[in-house]
């Protein structure tokens, strides 16, 4: 379900590497959600949620620092940061949900949210800054 496509590339090696890691984490959640077993995957799921939370914060800080460093449009940069903040809040809220209560539905909703958000954010918001940074020689 979460497959990296060339169209997601920002033509910035480190950003693409980080985006691919986000896809891997989402794919890990999907893999657990589609298992057909009676095993309790709570610890694995929470581990992935925690890594996703930590990694997105790391990735977002990396992007934001790069944009600030190279003088990206302040208004666009602010909007970009707001999108990042909303994602972190949503992931934090998900982590506070009672996973034992409705594990499958929560996983399904999370996968849908992450898949849509990451693809949309990369294809629209991140593509807006990639050309700017590429012109500055960042690849």
N, C-alpha and C. Protein backbone atom coordinates (compact mmCIF):
# COMPACT_ATOMS: atom_id res chain seq x y z
N UNK A 1 0.82 -1.20 0.00
CA UNK A 1 0.00 0.00 0.00
C UNK A 1 0.86 1.27 0.00
N UNK A 2 1.93 1.27 0.79
CA UNK A 2 2.79 2.44 0.89
C UNK A 2 4.05 2.20 0.07
N UNK A 3 3.97 2.56 -1.17
CA UNK A 3 5.07 2.32 -2.08
C UNK A 3 5.63 3.64 -2.56
N UNK A 4 6.94 3.80 -2.45
CA UNK A 4 7.60 5.00 -2.91
C UNK A 4 7.51 5.07 -4.43
N UNK A 5 7.18 6.24 -4.93
CA UNK A 5 7.11 6.47 -6.37
C UNK A 5 8.02 7.63 -6.72
N UNK A 6 8.54 7.61 -7.92
CA UNK A 6 9.46 8.66 -8.35
C UNK A 6 8.83 10.05 -8.24
N UNK A 7 7.54 10.13 -8.42
CA UNK A 7 6.86 11.44 -8.36
C UNK A 7 6.93 12.07 -6.96
N UNK A 8 7.23 11.28 -5.95
CA UNK A 8 7.36 11.81 -4.59
C UNK A 8 8.71 12.49 -4.36
N UNK A 9 9.65 12.26 -5.23
CA UNK A 9 11.00 12.79 -5.02
C UNK A 9 11.01 14.31 -5.05
N UNK A 10 11.71 14.87 -4.09
CA UNK A 10 11.94 16.32 -4.04
C UNK A 10 13.28 16.69 -4.67
N UNK A 11 13.98 15.68 -5.18
CA UNK A 11 15.31 15.88 -5.77
C UNK A 11 16.31 16.40 -4.74
N UNK A 12 16.06 16.05 -3.48
CA UNK A 12 16.98 16.38 -2.38
C UNK A 12 17.20 15.06 -1.65
N UNK A 13 18.39 14.52 -1.78
CA UNK A 13 18.67 13.16 -1.32
C UNK A 13 18.26 12.91 0.14
N UNK A 14 18.63 13.79 1.04
CA UNK A 14 18.33 13.56 2.46
C UNK A 14 16.82 13.63 2.73
N UNK A 15 16.14 14.55 2.09
CA UNK A 15 14.68 14.67 2.27
C UNK A 15 14.00 13.42 1.71
N UNK A 16 14.42 12.98 0.53
CA UNK A 16 13.83 11.77 -0.05
C UNK A 16 14.07 10.56 0.86
N UNK A 17 15.26 10.46 1.42
CA UNK A 17 15.57 9.36 2.33
C UNK A 17 14.64 9.39 3.55
N UNK A 18 14.44 10.57 4.09
CA UNK A 18 13.56 10.69 5.26
C UNK A 18 12.11 10.39 4.89
N UNK A 19 11.67 10.85 3.74
CA UNK A 19 10.30 10.55 3.30
C UNK A 19 10.11 9.04 3.12
N UNK A 20 11.11 8.40 2.57
CA UNK A 20 11.02 6.94 2.38
C UNK A 20 10.89 6.24 3.73
N UNK A 21 11.56 6.73 4.75
CA UNK A 21 11.45 6.13 6.08
C UNK A 21 10.03 6.29 6.62
N UNK A 22 9.40 7.42 6.37
CA UNK A 22 8.00 7.60 6.79
C UNK A 22 7.10 6.59 6.09
N UNK A 23 7.37 6.34 4.82
CA UNK A 23 6.61 5.34 4.08
C UNK A 23 6.82 3.95 4.69
N UNK A 24 8.05 3.65 5.07
CA UNK A 24 8.35 2.34 5.68
C UNK A 24 7.59 2.16 6.99
N UNK A 25 7.54 3.19 7.81
CA UNK A 25 6.82 3.09 9.09
C UNK A 25 5.33 2.89 8.86
N UNK A 26 4.77 3.63 7.92
CA UNK A 26 3.35 3.45 7.59
C UNK A 26 3.10 2.04 7.06
N UNK A 27 4.03 1.55 6.26
CA UNK A 27 3.91 0.19 5.72
C UNK A 27 3.98 -0.85 6.84
N UNK A 28 4.82 -0.60 7.83
CA UNK A 28 4.90 -1.52 8.97
C UNK A 28 3.55 -1.60 9.70
N UNK A 29 2.90 -0.46 9.86
CA UNK A 29 1.57 -0.46 10.49
C UNK A 29 0.57 -1.23 9.64
N UNK A 30 0.63 -1.00 8.34
CA UNK A 30 -0.27 -1.70 7.43
C UNK A 30 -0.06 -3.21 7.50
N UNK A 31 1.19 -3.62 7.54
CA UNK A 31 1.50 -5.05 7.62
C UNK A 31 0.88 -5.68 8.87
N UNK A 32 0.98 -4.99 9.99
CA UNK A 32 0.38 -5.52 11.22
C UNK A 32 -1.13 -5.53 11.12
N UNK A 33 -1.70 -4.48 10.57
CA UNK A 33 -3.16 -4.38 10.46
C UNK A 33 -3.75 -5.48 9.59
N UNK A 34 -2.97 -5.98 8.63
CA UNK A 34 -3.50 -6.98 7.71
C UNK A 34 -3.15 -8.41 8.12
N UNK A 35 -2.48 -8.57 9.25
CA UNK A 35 -2.19 -9.92 9.73
C UNK A 35 -3.49 -10.61 10.12
N UNK A 36 -3.56 -11.86 9.80
CA UNK A 36 -4.75 -12.64 10.16
C UNK A 36 -4.35 -13.66 11.21
N UNK A 37 -4.14 -13.15 12.42
CA UNK A 37 -3.77 -14.04 13.51
C UNK A 37 -4.44 -13.55 14.80
N UNK A 38 -4.31 -14.32 15.83
CA UNK A 38 -4.92 -13.96 17.11
C UNK A 38 -3.90 -13.38 18.08
N UNK A 39 -2.74 -13.04 17.59
CA UNK A 39 -1.68 -12.53 18.43
C UNK A 39 -1.95 -11.06 18.79
N UNK A 40 -1.64 -10.68 20.01
CA UNK A 40 -1.77 -9.29 20.44
C UNK A 40 -0.54 -8.51 20.00
N UNK A 41 -0.72 -7.59 19.10
CA UNK A 41 0.39 -6.83 18.53
C UNK A 41 0.53 -5.45 19.17
N UNK A 42 -0.04 -5.28 20.35
CA UNK A 42 -0.05 -3.99 21.02
C UNK A 42 1.35 -3.38 21.13
N UNK A 43 2.30 -4.13 21.63
CA UNK A 43 3.65 -3.59 21.83
C UNK A 43 4.30 -3.18 20.51
N UNK A 44 4.09 -3.99 19.47
CA UNK A 44 4.65 -3.65 18.16
C UNK A 44 4.02 -2.37 17.61
N UNK A 45 2.70 -2.29 17.74
CA UNK A 45 1.98 -1.13 17.22
C UNK A 45 2.42 0.14 17.96
N UNK A 46 2.49 0.07 19.27
CA UNK A 46 2.88 1.24 20.04
C UNK A 46 4.34 1.62 19.74
N UNK A 47 5.18 0.63 19.50
CA UNK A 47 6.56 0.91 19.12
C UNK A 47 6.64 1.66 17.80
N UNK A 48 5.82 1.25 16.84
CA UNK A 48 5.80 1.92 15.54
C UNK A 48 5.23 3.33 15.69
N UNK A 49 4.15 3.47 16.47
CA UNK A 49 3.59 4.80 16.71
C UNK A 49 4.64 5.72 17.33
N UNK A 50 5.38 5.21 18.30
CA UNK A 50 6.40 6.03 18.96
C UNK A 50 7.50 6.42 17.98
N UNK A 51 7.95 5.45 17.19
CA UNK A 51 8.98 5.76 16.21
C UNK A 51 8.47 6.75 15.17
N UNK A 52 7.23 6.57 14.74
CA UNK A 52 6.62 7.50 13.78
C UNK A 52 6.57 8.90 14.37
N UNK A 53 6.15 8.99 15.61
CA UNK A 53 6.09 10.29 16.28
C UNK A 53 7.47 10.92 16.37
N UNK A 54 8.44 10.18 16.85
CA UNK A 54 9.80 10.69 16.99
C UNK A 54 10.41 11.06 15.64
N UNK A 55 10.20 10.20 14.65
CA UNK A 55 10.83 10.43 13.36
C UNK A 55 10.20 11.62 12.63
N UNK A 56 8.89 11.79 12.76
CA UNK A 56 8.28 12.93 12.09
C UNK A 56 8.78 14.23 12.70
N UNK A 57 8.93 14.27 14.03
CA UNK A 57 9.46 15.47 14.67
C UNK A 57 10.87 15.76 14.14
N UNK A 58 11.71 14.73 14.08
CA UNK A 58 13.07 14.88 13.53
C UNK A 58 13.02 15.38 12.09
N UNK A 59 12.21 14.74 11.27
CA UNK A 59 12.12 15.10 9.85
C UNK A 59 11.60 16.52 9.68
N UNK A 60 10.55 16.85 10.41
CA UNK A 60 9.97 18.18 10.27
C UNK A 60 10.97 19.26 10.69
N UNK A 61 11.69 19.01 11.76
CA UNK A 61 12.70 19.98 12.20
C UNK A 61 13.79 20.14 11.15
N UNK A 62 14.17 19.04 10.53
CA UNK A 62 15.19 19.08 9.48
C UNK A 62 14.71 19.96 8.32
N UNK A 63 13.49 19.70 7.85
CA UNK A 63 12.94 20.49 6.75
C UNK A 63 12.85 21.97 7.12
N UNK A 64 12.29 22.24 8.28
CA UNK A 64 12.07 23.62 8.69
C UNK A 64 13.39 24.38 8.84
N UNK A 65 14.39 23.73 9.36
CA UNK A 65 15.71 24.36 9.50
C UNK A 65 16.29 24.68 8.12
N UNK A 66 16.15 23.75 7.20
CA UNK A 66 16.64 23.96 5.85
C UNK A 66 15.93 25.15 5.18
N UNK A 67 14.63 25.22 5.35
CA UNK A 67 13.86 26.31 4.75
C UNK A 67 14.27 27.65 5.35
N UNK A 68 14.43 27.69 6.66
CA UNK A 68 14.87 28.92 7.33
C UNK A 68 16.27 29.32 6.88
N UNK A 69 17.15 28.34 6.83
CA UNK A 69 18.55 28.58 6.49
C UNK A 69 18.71 29.19 5.10
N UNK A 70 17.86 28.77 4.16
CA UNK A 70 18.00 29.24 2.78
C UNK A 70 17.01 30.35 2.41
N UNK A 71 16.30 30.87 3.41
CA UNK A 71 15.45 32.03 3.17
C UNK A 71 14.18 31.76 2.39
N UNK A 72 13.59 30.61 2.64
CA UNK A 72 12.32 30.29 1.97
C UNK A 72 11.26 31.32 2.38
N UNK A 73 10.32 31.57 1.51
CA UNK A 73 9.26 32.54 1.76
C UNK A 73 8.67 32.37 3.16
N UNK A 74 8.72 33.40 4.00
CA UNK A 74 8.27 33.27 5.39
C UNK A 74 6.82 32.81 5.54
N UNK A 75 5.93 33.31 4.70
CA UNK A 75 4.52 32.91 4.80
C UNK A 75 4.36 31.43 4.44
N UNK A 76 5.00 31.01 3.35
CA UNK A 76 4.93 29.60 2.96
C UNK A 76 5.58 28.71 4.02
N UNK A 77 6.68 29.20 4.58
CA UNK A 77 7.35 28.44 5.64
C UNK A 77 6.45 28.28 6.86
N UNK A 78 5.73 29.34 7.20
CA UNK A 78 4.82 29.28 8.36
C UNK A 78 3.69 28.28 8.10
N UNK A 79 3.13 28.33 6.90
CA UNK A 79 2.06 27.38 6.55
C UNK A 79 2.59 25.94 6.59
N UNK A 80 3.80 25.76 6.12
CA UNK A 80 4.43 24.45 6.13
C UNK A 80 4.56 23.94 7.57
N UNK A 81 5.02 24.80 8.46
CA UNK A 81 5.16 24.43 9.87
C UNK A 81 3.82 24.11 10.50
N UNK A 82 2.77 24.83 10.12
CA UNK A 82 1.44 24.55 10.65
C UNK A 82 0.96 23.15 10.23
N UNK A 83 1.24 22.79 8.99
CA UNK A 83 0.89 21.44 8.54
C UNK A 83 1.64 20.40 9.35
N UNK A 84 2.91 20.63 9.58
CA UNK A 84 3.70 19.71 10.39
C UNK A 84 3.11 19.60 11.79
N UNK A 85 2.77 20.73 12.37
CA UNK A 85 2.21 20.73 13.72
C UNK A 85 0.91 19.96 13.81
N UNK A 86 0.06 20.08 12.79
CA UNK A 86 -1.21 19.36 12.82
C UNK A 86 -0.99 17.85 12.73
N UNK A 87 0.01 17.44 11.97
CA UNK A 87 0.32 16.01 11.87
C UNK A 87 0.80 15.47 13.21
N UNK A 88 1.71 16.18 13.84
CA UNK A 88 2.25 15.74 15.14
C UNK A 88 1.12 15.65 16.17
N UNK A 89 0.23 16.63 16.19
CA UNK A 89 -0.90 16.61 17.13
C UNK A 89 -1.78 15.39 16.89
N UNK A 90 -2.04 15.09 15.63
CA UNK A 90 -2.90 13.95 15.30
C UNK A 90 -2.24 12.64 15.73
N UNK A 91 -0.96 12.47 15.46
CA UNK A 91 -0.25 11.25 15.86
C UNK A 91 -0.23 11.13 17.39
N UNK A 92 -0.02 12.25 18.07
CA UNK A 92 -0.03 12.24 19.54
C UNK A 92 -1.40 11.83 20.05
N UNK A 93 -2.44 12.35 19.44
CA UNK A 93 -3.81 12.00 19.84
C UNK A 93 -4.06 10.50 19.62
N UNK A 94 -3.61 10.00 18.51
CA UNK A 94 -3.78 8.57 18.20
C UNK A 94 -3.09 7.73 19.27
N UNK A 95 -1.89 8.15 19.66
CA UNK A 95 -1.14 7.38 20.66
C UNK A 95 -1.82 7.38 22.03
N UNK A 96 -2.70 8.34 22.26
CA UNK A 96 -3.40 8.43 23.54
C UNK A 96 -4.71 7.64 23.53
N UNK A 97 -5.12 7.17 22.37
CA UNK A 97 -6.35 6.39 22.25
C UNK A 97 -6.18 5.04 22.94
N UNK A 98 -7.28 4.44 23.29
CA UNK A 98 -7.26 3.12 23.91
C UNK A 98 -7.16 2.07 22.80
N UNK A 99 -5.95 1.67 22.51
CA UNK A 99 -5.69 0.74 21.41
C UNK A 99 -6.36 -0.61 21.65
N UNK A 100 -6.39 -1.05 22.90
CA UNK A 100 -7.00 -2.34 23.20
C UNK A 100 -8.50 -2.34 22.91
N UNK A 101 -9.11 -1.19 23.01
CA UNK A 101 -10.56 -1.08 22.84
C UNK A 101 -11.00 -1.37 21.41
N UNK A 102 -10.26 -0.84 20.46
CA UNK A 102 -10.66 -1.00 19.06
C UNK A 102 -9.43 -0.97 18.15
N UNK A 103 -8.56 -1.94 18.34
CA UNK A 103 -7.28 -1.98 17.65
C UNK A 103 -7.41 -1.91 16.14
N UNK A 104 -8.23 -2.75 15.55
CA UNK A 104 -8.33 -2.81 14.09
C UNK A 104 -8.84 -1.52 13.49
N UNK A 105 -9.87 -0.93 14.09
CA UNK A 105 -10.42 0.31 13.55
C UNK A 105 -9.44 1.46 13.69
N UNK A 106 -8.76 1.52 14.84
CA UNK A 106 -7.77 2.57 15.06
C UNK A 106 -6.62 2.45 14.06
N UNK A 107 -6.17 1.23 13.82
CA UNK A 107 -5.10 1.02 12.83
C UNK A 107 -5.55 1.44 11.44
N UNK A 108 -6.75 1.03 11.09
CA UNK A 108 -7.29 1.35 9.78
C UNK A 108 -7.39 2.87 9.58
N UNK A 109 -7.94 3.55 10.58
CA UNK A 109 -8.08 5.00 10.51
C UNK A 109 -6.71 5.68 10.44
N UNK A 110 -5.77 5.18 11.21
CA UNK A 110 -4.42 5.76 11.25
C UNK A 110 -3.72 5.58 9.91
N UNK A 111 -3.82 4.40 9.35
CA UNK A 111 -3.19 4.12 8.06
C UNK A 111 -3.78 5.01 6.97
N UNK A 112 -5.09 5.16 6.98
CA UNK A 112 -5.74 6.03 6.00
C UNK A 112 -5.26 7.46 6.15
N UNK A 113 -5.24 7.93 7.40
CA UNK A 113 -4.79 9.30 7.68
C UNK A 113 -3.34 9.50 7.23
N UNK A 114 -2.45 8.63 7.67
CA UNK A 114 -1.02 8.78 7.36
C UNK A 114 -0.78 8.69 5.86
N UNK A 115 -1.39 7.70 5.23
CA UNK A 115 -1.20 7.53 3.79
C UNK A 115 -1.63 8.76 3.01
N UNK A 116 -2.79 9.26 3.33
CA UNK A 116 -3.30 10.44 2.62
C UNK A 116 -2.48 11.68 2.92
N UNK A 117 -2.15 11.85 4.19
CA UNK A 117 -1.44 13.06 4.59
C UNK A 117 -0.03 13.10 4.01
N UNK A 118 0.69 12.02 4.15
CA UNK A 118 2.07 12.00 3.67
C UNK A 118 2.12 12.22 2.17
N UNK A 119 1.30 11.50 1.44
CA UNK A 119 1.32 11.65 -0.02
C UNK A 119 0.93 13.08 -0.42
N UNK A 120 -0.13 13.61 0.18
CA UNK A 120 -0.57 14.97 -0.15
C UNK A 120 0.49 15.99 0.24
N UNK A 121 1.05 15.83 1.41
CA UNK A 121 2.03 16.79 1.90
C UNK A 121 3.28 16.79 1.01
N UNK A 122 3.74 15.62 0.64
CA UNK A 122 4.92 15.54 -0.22
C UNK A 122 4.60 16.09 -1.61
N UNK A 123 3.50 15.65 -2.19
CA UNK A 123 3.18 16.03 -3.56
C UNK A 123 2.82 17.51 -3.72
N UNK A 124 2.31 18.11 -2.66
CA UNK A 124 1.92 19.52 -2.78
C UNK A 124 2.84 20.44 -1.99
N UNK A 125 2.81 20.33 -0.70
CA UNK A 125 3.55 21.27 0.14
C UNK A 125 5.06 21.15 -0.05
N UNK A 126 5.58 19.93 0.01
CA UNK A 126 7.03 19.77 -0.13
C UNK A 126 7.51 20.07 -1.54
N UNK A 127 6.71 19.77 -2.52
CA UNK A 127 7.11 20.09 -3.90
C UNK A 127 7.25 21.59 -4.09
N UNK A 128 6.48 22.38 -3.32
CA UNK A 128 6.60 23.83 -3.42
C UNK A 128 7.98 24.32 -3.01
N UNK A 129 8.55 23.71 -1.98
CA UNK A 129 9.88 24.17 -1.56
C UNK A 129 11.01 23.47 -2.31
N UNK A 130 10.76 22.31 -2.87
CA UNK A 130 11.86 21.56 -3.49
C UNK A 130 12.49 22.32 -4.65
N UNK A 131 11.68 22.94 -5.47
CA UNK A 131 12.23 23.70 -6.59
C UNK A 131 13.08 24.87 -6.08
N UNK A 132 12.59 25.53 -5.04
CA UNK A 132 13.34 26.64 -4.44
C UNK A 132 14.70 26.17 -3.95
N UNK A 133 14.72 25.07 -3.20
CA UNK A 133 15.99 24.56 -2.66
C UNK A 133 16.89 24.00 -3.76
N UNK A 134 16.29 23.35 -4.77
CA UNK A 134 17.09 22.86 -5.88
C UNK A 134 17.81 24.00 -6.59
N UNK A 135 17.12 25.15 -6.74
CA UNK A 135 17.75 26.32 -7.36
C UNK A 135 18.89 26.88 -6.51
N UNK A 136 18.85 26.60 -5.21
CA UNK A 136 19.92 27.03 -4.30
C UNK A 136 21.07 26.03 -4.28
N UNK A 137 20.92 24.95 -5.08
CA UNK A 137 21.97 23.94 -5.16
C UNK A 137 21.83 22.80 -4.19
N UNK A 138 20.69 22.72 -3.51
CA UNK A 138 20.45 21.63 -2.56
C UNK A 138 19.87 20.45 -3.32
N UNK A 139 20.61 19.35 -3.30
CA UNK A 139 20.15 18.15 -4.01
C UNK A 139 20.36 16.94 -3.16
